[in-house]
Structures are given as structure tokens and as C-alpha cells.
C-alpha atoms as a PDB file:
ATOM      1  CA  UNK A   1     -46.755 -54.689 -52.502  1.00  0.00           C
ATOM      2  CA  UNK A   2     -44.923 -53.357 -49.620  1.00  0.00           C
ATOM      3  CA  UNK A   3     -46.170 -49.822 -49.867  1.00  0.00           C
ATOM      4  CA  UNK A   4     -49.766 -50.939 -49.574  1.00  0.00           C
ATOM      5  CA  UNK A   5     -49.297 -52.899 -46.352  1.00  0.00           C
ATOM      6  CA  UNK A   6     -47.633 -50.240 -44.243  1.00  0.00           C
ATOM      7  CA  UNK A   7     -49.313 -49.365 -41.015  1.00  0.00           C
ATOM      8  CA  UNK A   8     -50.830 -45.952 -40.941  1.00  0.00           C
ATOM      9  CA  UNK A   9     -51.111 -45.747 -44.674  1.00  0.00           C
ATOM     10  CA  UNK A  10     -54.251 -44.159 -45.944  1.00  0.00           C
ATOM     11  CA  UNK A  11     -56.669 -46.701 -46.924  1.00  0.00           C
ATOM     12  CA  UNK A  12     -55.438 -49.508 -44.679  1.00  0.00           C
ATOM     13  CA  UNK A  13     -57.741 -48.501 -41.894  1.00  0.00           C
ATOM     14  CA  UNK A  14     -55.086 -48.821 -39.125  1.00  0.00           C
ATOM     15  CA  UNK A  15     -54.117 -45.553 -37.613  1.00  0.00           C
ATOM     16  CA  UNK A  16     -50.734 -44.995 -36.230  1.00  0.00           C
ATOM     17  CA  UNK A  17     -50.611 -42.949 -32.976  1.00  0.00           C
ATOM     18  CA  UNK A  18     -49.091 -39.528 -33.463  1.00  0.00           C
ATOM     19  CA  UNK A  19     -46.030 -38.531 -31.538  1.00  0.00           C
ATOM     20  CA  UNK A  20     -46.339 -35.590 -29.171  1.00  0.00           C
ATOM     21  CA  UNK A  21     -45.668 -32.357 -30.995  1.00  0.00           C
ATOM     22  CA  UNK A  22     -42.064 -31.197 -30.574  1.00  0.00           C
ATOM     23  CA  UNK A  23     -41.548 -27.895 -28.817  1.00  0.00           C
ATOM     24  CA  UNK A  24     -40.083 -25.406 -31.111  1.00  0.00           C
ATOM     25  CA  UNK A  25     -37.225 -23.333 -29.809  1.00  0.00           C
ATOM     26  CA  UNK A  26     -37.995 -19.706 -29.391  1.00  0.00           C
ATOM     27  CA  UNK A  27     -36.366 -17.551 -32.025  1.00  0.00           C
ATOM     28  CA  UNK A  28     -33.493 -15.304 -30.894  1.00  0.00           C
ATOM     29  CA  UNK A  29     -35.800 -12.385 -30.271  1.00  0.00           C
ATOM     30  CA  UNK A  30     -38.197 -14.372 -28.118  1.00  0.00           C
ATOM     31  CA  UNK A  31     -39.442 -13.954 -24.562  1.00  0.00           C
ATOM     32  CA  UNK A  32     -36.571 -15.948 -23.064  1.00  0.00           C
ATOM     33  CA  UNK A  33     -33.917 -13.721 -24.578  1.00  0.00           C
ATOM     34  CA  UNK A  34     -35.793 -10.590 -23.535  1.00  0.00           C
ATOM     35  CA  UNK A  35     -36.027 -11.905 -19.972  1.00  0.00           C
ATOM     36  CA  UNK A  36     -32.292 -12.694 -19.920  1.00  0.00           C
ATOM     37  CA  UNK A  37     -31.434  -9.230 -21.184  1.00  0.00           C
ATOM     38  CA  UNK A  38     -33.593  -7.566 -18.536  1.00  0.00           C
ATOM     39  CA  UNK A  39     -32.078  -9.749 -15.814  1.00  0.00           C
ATOM     40  CA  UNK A  40     -28.539  -8.959 -16.982  1.00  0.00           C
ATOM     41  CA  UNK A  41     -29.293  -5.249 -17.117  1.00  0.00           C
ATOM     42  CA  UNK A  42     -30.778  -5.360 -13.598  1.00  0.00           C
ATOM     43  CA  UNK A  43     -27.711  -7.150 -12.220  1.00  0.00           C
ATOM     44  CA  UNK A  44     -25.347  -4.665 -13.883  1.00  0.00           C
ATOM     45  CA  UNK A  45     -27.377  -1.723 -12.616  1.00  0.00           C
ATOM     46  CA  UNK A  46     -27.354  -3.127  -9.069  1.00  0.00           C
ATOM     47  CA  UNK A  47     -23.595  -3.639  -9.296  1.00  0.00           C
ATOM     48  CA  UNK A  48     -23.065  -0.085 -10.467  1.00  0.00           C
ATOM     49  CA  UNK A  49     -25.276   1.258  -7.722  1.00  0.00           C
ATOM     50  CA  UNK A  50     -23.396  -0.700  -5.047  1.00  0.00           C
ATOM     51  CA  UNK A  51     -19.897   0.086  -6.367  1.00  0.00           C
ATOM     52  CA  UNK A  52     -19.540   3.613  -4.971  1.00  0.00           C
ATOM     53  CA  UNK A  53     -20.818   2.871  -1.454  1.00  0.00           C
ATOM     54  CA  UNK A  54     -18.680  -0.271  -1.267  1.00  0.00           C
ATOM     55  CA  UNK A  55     -15.611   1.635  -2.458  1.00  0.00           C
ATOM     56  CA  UNK A  56     -16.262   4.447   0.022  1.00  0.00           C
ATOM     57  CA  UNK A  57     -16.613   1.912   2.838  1.00  0.00           C
ATOM     58  CA  UNK A  58     -13.356   0.219   1.830  1.00  0.00           C
ATOM     59  CA  UNK A  59     -11.491   3.557   1.736  1.00  0.00           C
ATOM     60  CA  UNK A  60     -12.934   4.628   5.093  1.00  0.00           C
ATOM     61  CA  UNK A  61     -11.855   1.363   6.706  1.00  0.00           C
ATOM     62  CA  UNK A  62      -8.346   1.761   5.291  1.00  0.00           C
ATOM     63  CA  UNK A  63      -8.210   5.323   6.610  1.00  0.00           C
ATOM     64  CA  UNK A  64      -9.466   4.144   9.995  1.00  0.00           C
ATOM     65  CA  UNK A  65      -6.698   1.528  10.181  1.00  0.00           C
ATOM     66  CA  UNK A  66      -4.082   4.162   9.301  1.00  0.00           C
ATOM     67  CA  UNK A  67      -5.456   6.549  11.924  1.00  0.00           C
ATOM     68  CA  UNK A  68      -5.476   3.822  14.567  1.00  0.00           C
ATOM     69  CA  UNK A  69      -1.830   3.014  13.814  1.00  0.00           C
ATOM     70  CA  UNK A  70      -0.955   6.701  14.024  1.00  0.00           C
ATOM     71  CA  UNK A  71      -2.872   7.004  17.302  1.00  0.00           C
ATOM     72  CA  UNK A  72      -0.875   4.103  18.765  1.00  0.00           C
ATOM     73  CA  UNK A  73       2.399   5.809  17.795  1.00  0.00           C
ATOM     74  CA  UNK A  74       1.297   9.119  19.291  1.00  0.00           C
ATOM     75  CA  UNK A  75       0.150   7.419  22.489  1.00  0.00           C
ATOM     76  CA  UNK A  76       3.521   5.655  22.781  1.00  0.00           C
ATOM     77  CA  UNK A  77       5.355   8.958  22.258  1.00  0.00           C
ATOM     78  CA  UNK A  78       3.081  10.572  24.855  1.00  0.00           C
ATOM     79  CA  UNK A  79       3.852   7.787  27.332  1.00  0.00           C
ATOM     80  CA  UNK A  80       7.614   8.261  26.824  1.00  0.00           C
ATOM     81  CA  UNK A  81       7.300  12.021  27.260  1.00  0.00           C
ATOM     82  CA  UNK A  82       5.304  11.515  30.436  1.00  0.00           C
ATOM     83  CA  UNK A  83       8.076   9.282  31.815  1.00  0.00           C
ATOM     84  CA  UNK A  84      10.677  11.931  30.942  1.00  0.00           C
ATOM     85  CA  UNK A  85       8.554  14.621  32.637  1.00  0.00           C
ATOM     86  CA  UNK A  86       8.403  12.540  35.827  1.00  0.00           C
ATOM     87  CA  UNK A  87      12.173  12.029  35.748  1.00  0.00           C
ATOM     88  CA  UNK A  88      12.738  15.768  35.292  1.00  0.00           C
ATOM     89  CA  UNK A  89      10.953  16.369  38.597  1.00  0.00           C
ATOM     90  CA  UNK A  90      13.893  14.643  40.341  1.00  0.00           C
ATOM     91  CA  UNK A  91      16.632  17.237  41.203  1.00  0.00           C
ATOM     92  CA  UNK A  92      19.425  14.639  41.004  1.00  0.00           C
ATOM     93  CA  UNK A  93      18.433  13.706  37.449  1.00  0.00           C
ATOM     94  CA  UNK A  94      18.390  17.382  36.448  1.00  0.00           C
ATOM     95  CA  UNK A  95      21.909  17.846  37.898  1.00  0.00           C
ATOM     96  CA  UNK A  96      23.136  14.826  35.987  1.00  0.00           C
ATOM     97  CA  UNK A  97      21.700  16.163  32.722  1.00  0.00           C
ATOM     98  CA  UNK A  98      23.210  19.613  33.350  1.00  0.00           C
ATOM     99  CA  UNK A  99      26.668  18.078  33.868  1.00  0.00           C
ATOM    100  CA  UNK A 100      26.456  15.735  30.842  1.00  0.00           C
ATOM    101  CA  UNK A 101      24.735  17.883  28.256  1.00  0.00           C
ATOM    102  CA  UNK A 102      25.599  21.434  29.262  1.00  0.00           C
ATOM    103  CA  UNK A 103      29.044  20.837  30.828  1.00  0.00           C
ATOM    104  CA  UNK A 104      27.978  22.638  33.999  1.00  0.00           C
ATOM    105  CA  UNK A 105      29.951  22.357  37.233  1.00  0.00           C
ATOM    106  CA  UNK A 106      29.081  23.122  40.829  1.00  0.00           C
ATOM    107  CA  UNK A 107      30.756  26.021  42.613  1.00  0.00           C
ATOM    108  CA  UNK A 108      34.293  25.144  43.710  1.00  0.00           C
ATOM    109  CA  UNK A 109      34.761  22.434  41.046  1.00  0.00           C
ATOM    110  CA  UNK A 110      37.356  22.782  38.325  1.00  0.00           C
ATOM    111  CA  UNK A 111      36.114  21.738  34.890  1.00  0.00           C
ATOM    112  CA  UNK A 112      38.430  19.482  32.916  1.00  0.00           C
ATOM    113  CA  UNK A 113      37.758  18.976  29.219  1.00  0.00           C
ATOM    114  CA  UNK A 114      39.540  16.212  27.356  1.00  0.00           C
ATOM    115  CA  UNK A 115      39.555  16.099  23.583  1.00  0.00           C
ATOM    116  CA  UNK A 116      37.545  13.374  21.964  1.00  0.00           C
ATOM    117  CA  UNK A 117      39.693  10.653  20.380  1.00  0.00           C
ATOM    118  CA  UNK A 118      37.822  10.973  17.090  1.00  0.00           C
ATOM    119  CA  UNK A 119      38.387  14.729  16.947  1.00  0.00           C
ATOM    120  CA  UNK A 120      42.183  14.400  16.746  1.00  0.00           C
ATOM    121  CA  UNK A 121      43.549  16.166  13.687  1.00  0.00           C
ATOM    122  CA  UNK A 122      44.590  13.903  10.852  1.00  0.00           C
ATOM    123  CA  UNK A 123      48.141  14.343   9.638  1.00  0.00           C
ATOM    124  CA  UNK A 124      48.493  16.240   6.399  1.00  0.00           C
ATOM    125  CA  UNK A 125      49.402  14.096   3.400  1.00  0.00           C
ATOM    126  CA  UNK A 126      53.040  14.191   2.384  1.00  0.00           C
ATOM    127  CA  UNK A 127      53.621  16.450  -0.560  1.00  0.00           C
ATOM    128  CA  UNK A 128      54.589  14.731  -3.794  1.00  0.00           C
ATOM    129  CA  UNK A 129      57.025  16.000  -6.359  1.00  0.00           C
ATOM    130  CA  UNK A 130      56.776  19.732  -7.108  1.00  0.00           C
ATOM    131  CA  UNK A 131      55.533  19.206 -10.646  1.00  0.00           C
ATOM    132  CA  UNK A 132      52.313  17.366  -9.559  1.00  0.00           C
ATOM    133  CA  UNK A 133      51.046  20.417  -7.659  1.00  0.00           C
ATOM    134  CA  UNK A 134      52.113  22.652 -10.542  1.00  0.00           C
ATOM    135  CA  UNK A 135      50.206  20.550 -13.100  1.00  0.00           C
ATOM    136  CA  UNK A 136      47.095  20.464 -10.878  1.00  0.00           C
ATOM    137  CA  UNK A 137      47.066  24.258 -10.611  1.00  0.00           C
ATOM    138  CA  UNK A 138      47.423  24.645 -14.384  1.00  0.00           C
ATOM    139  CA  UNK A 139      44.605  22.126 -14.901  1.00  0.00           C
ATOM    140  CA  UNK A 140      42.318  24.097 -12.571  1.00  0.00           C
ATOM    141  CA  UNK A 141      43.122  27.317 -14.374  1.00  0.00           C
ATOM    142  CA  UNK A 142      42.268  25.711 -17.702  1.00  0.00           C
ATOM    143  CA  UNK A 143      39.022  24.264 -16.257  1.00  0.00           C
ATOM    144  CA  UNK A 144      39.954  20.614 -16.700  1.00  0.00           C
ATOM    145  CA  UNK A 145      39.353  19.591 -13.091  1.00  0.00           C
END
């Protein structure tokens, strides 16, 4: 019957070629997994070893930028002070400053001081009815205001 005529069946004499053996996957604890674990551990260790120096370098660069900015400000202030020092060597400029800032006058001059418009006294508010002041004083004595 059919079963007797199949190719590769024992007894028929025809041999069927065998397929190449299939590669078996390594079990979870195999060499491949061990290699991956070692590689992962090496990468993590390298990262940890490089973290501190990289962080220190980053912080030093940030500090350097801050110091450079501060240096620029100090140099600008120094330049302005140098200009002021050169101006103070001029006797006319010194006289002008003495008149403006210190209200100094030369001999024979009469100083004249005018009040500033903003320093004029403000008029006192008009008093209200007598009982408002009286009630405010009583409130202060009682600690309400």
C-alpha cells in the first residue's frame, strides 16, 4: 500500500538525503549571554569611570566662562576709572566738580542757593470735623489702629 512505497522507508532501498542538522539555540546561561553580561558590565564600568572627570571638566569650563565674564566687567570698570583719573588731572574739570558737587565758590563770588522745586513743602491737609480726630485718638489708645 502507500506506506510501503514511500521513499526513504526502511526496506525500499532508496535513501532520502538528510537535512543539515539545525543549530540549537544556546540556553539562557550559555556563552552568548555570559559574553553580553561581561560587555554590559565593561561599558557601565567605563561610563562610571569617565563620569567624574567629565563632570569636573564641565564644571571647570562653566567656572572659566563665569570668570571671563567677570574679568570683562572689571576691565570695563578699570577703563572707566582710568578715563576719570585722566579727567581729574585737568584743573578746569576739578573746578567744575568743586562748584557742582561741593557748592564751592571762588574768592569774591557771592553764593546763591535756590530751593529745589521738588523740596517745596506740601500744604497740610485741611482738618476735618473735630470728632474724627477725637475718635482716631481714642482708637489709638484702645489699640485698634
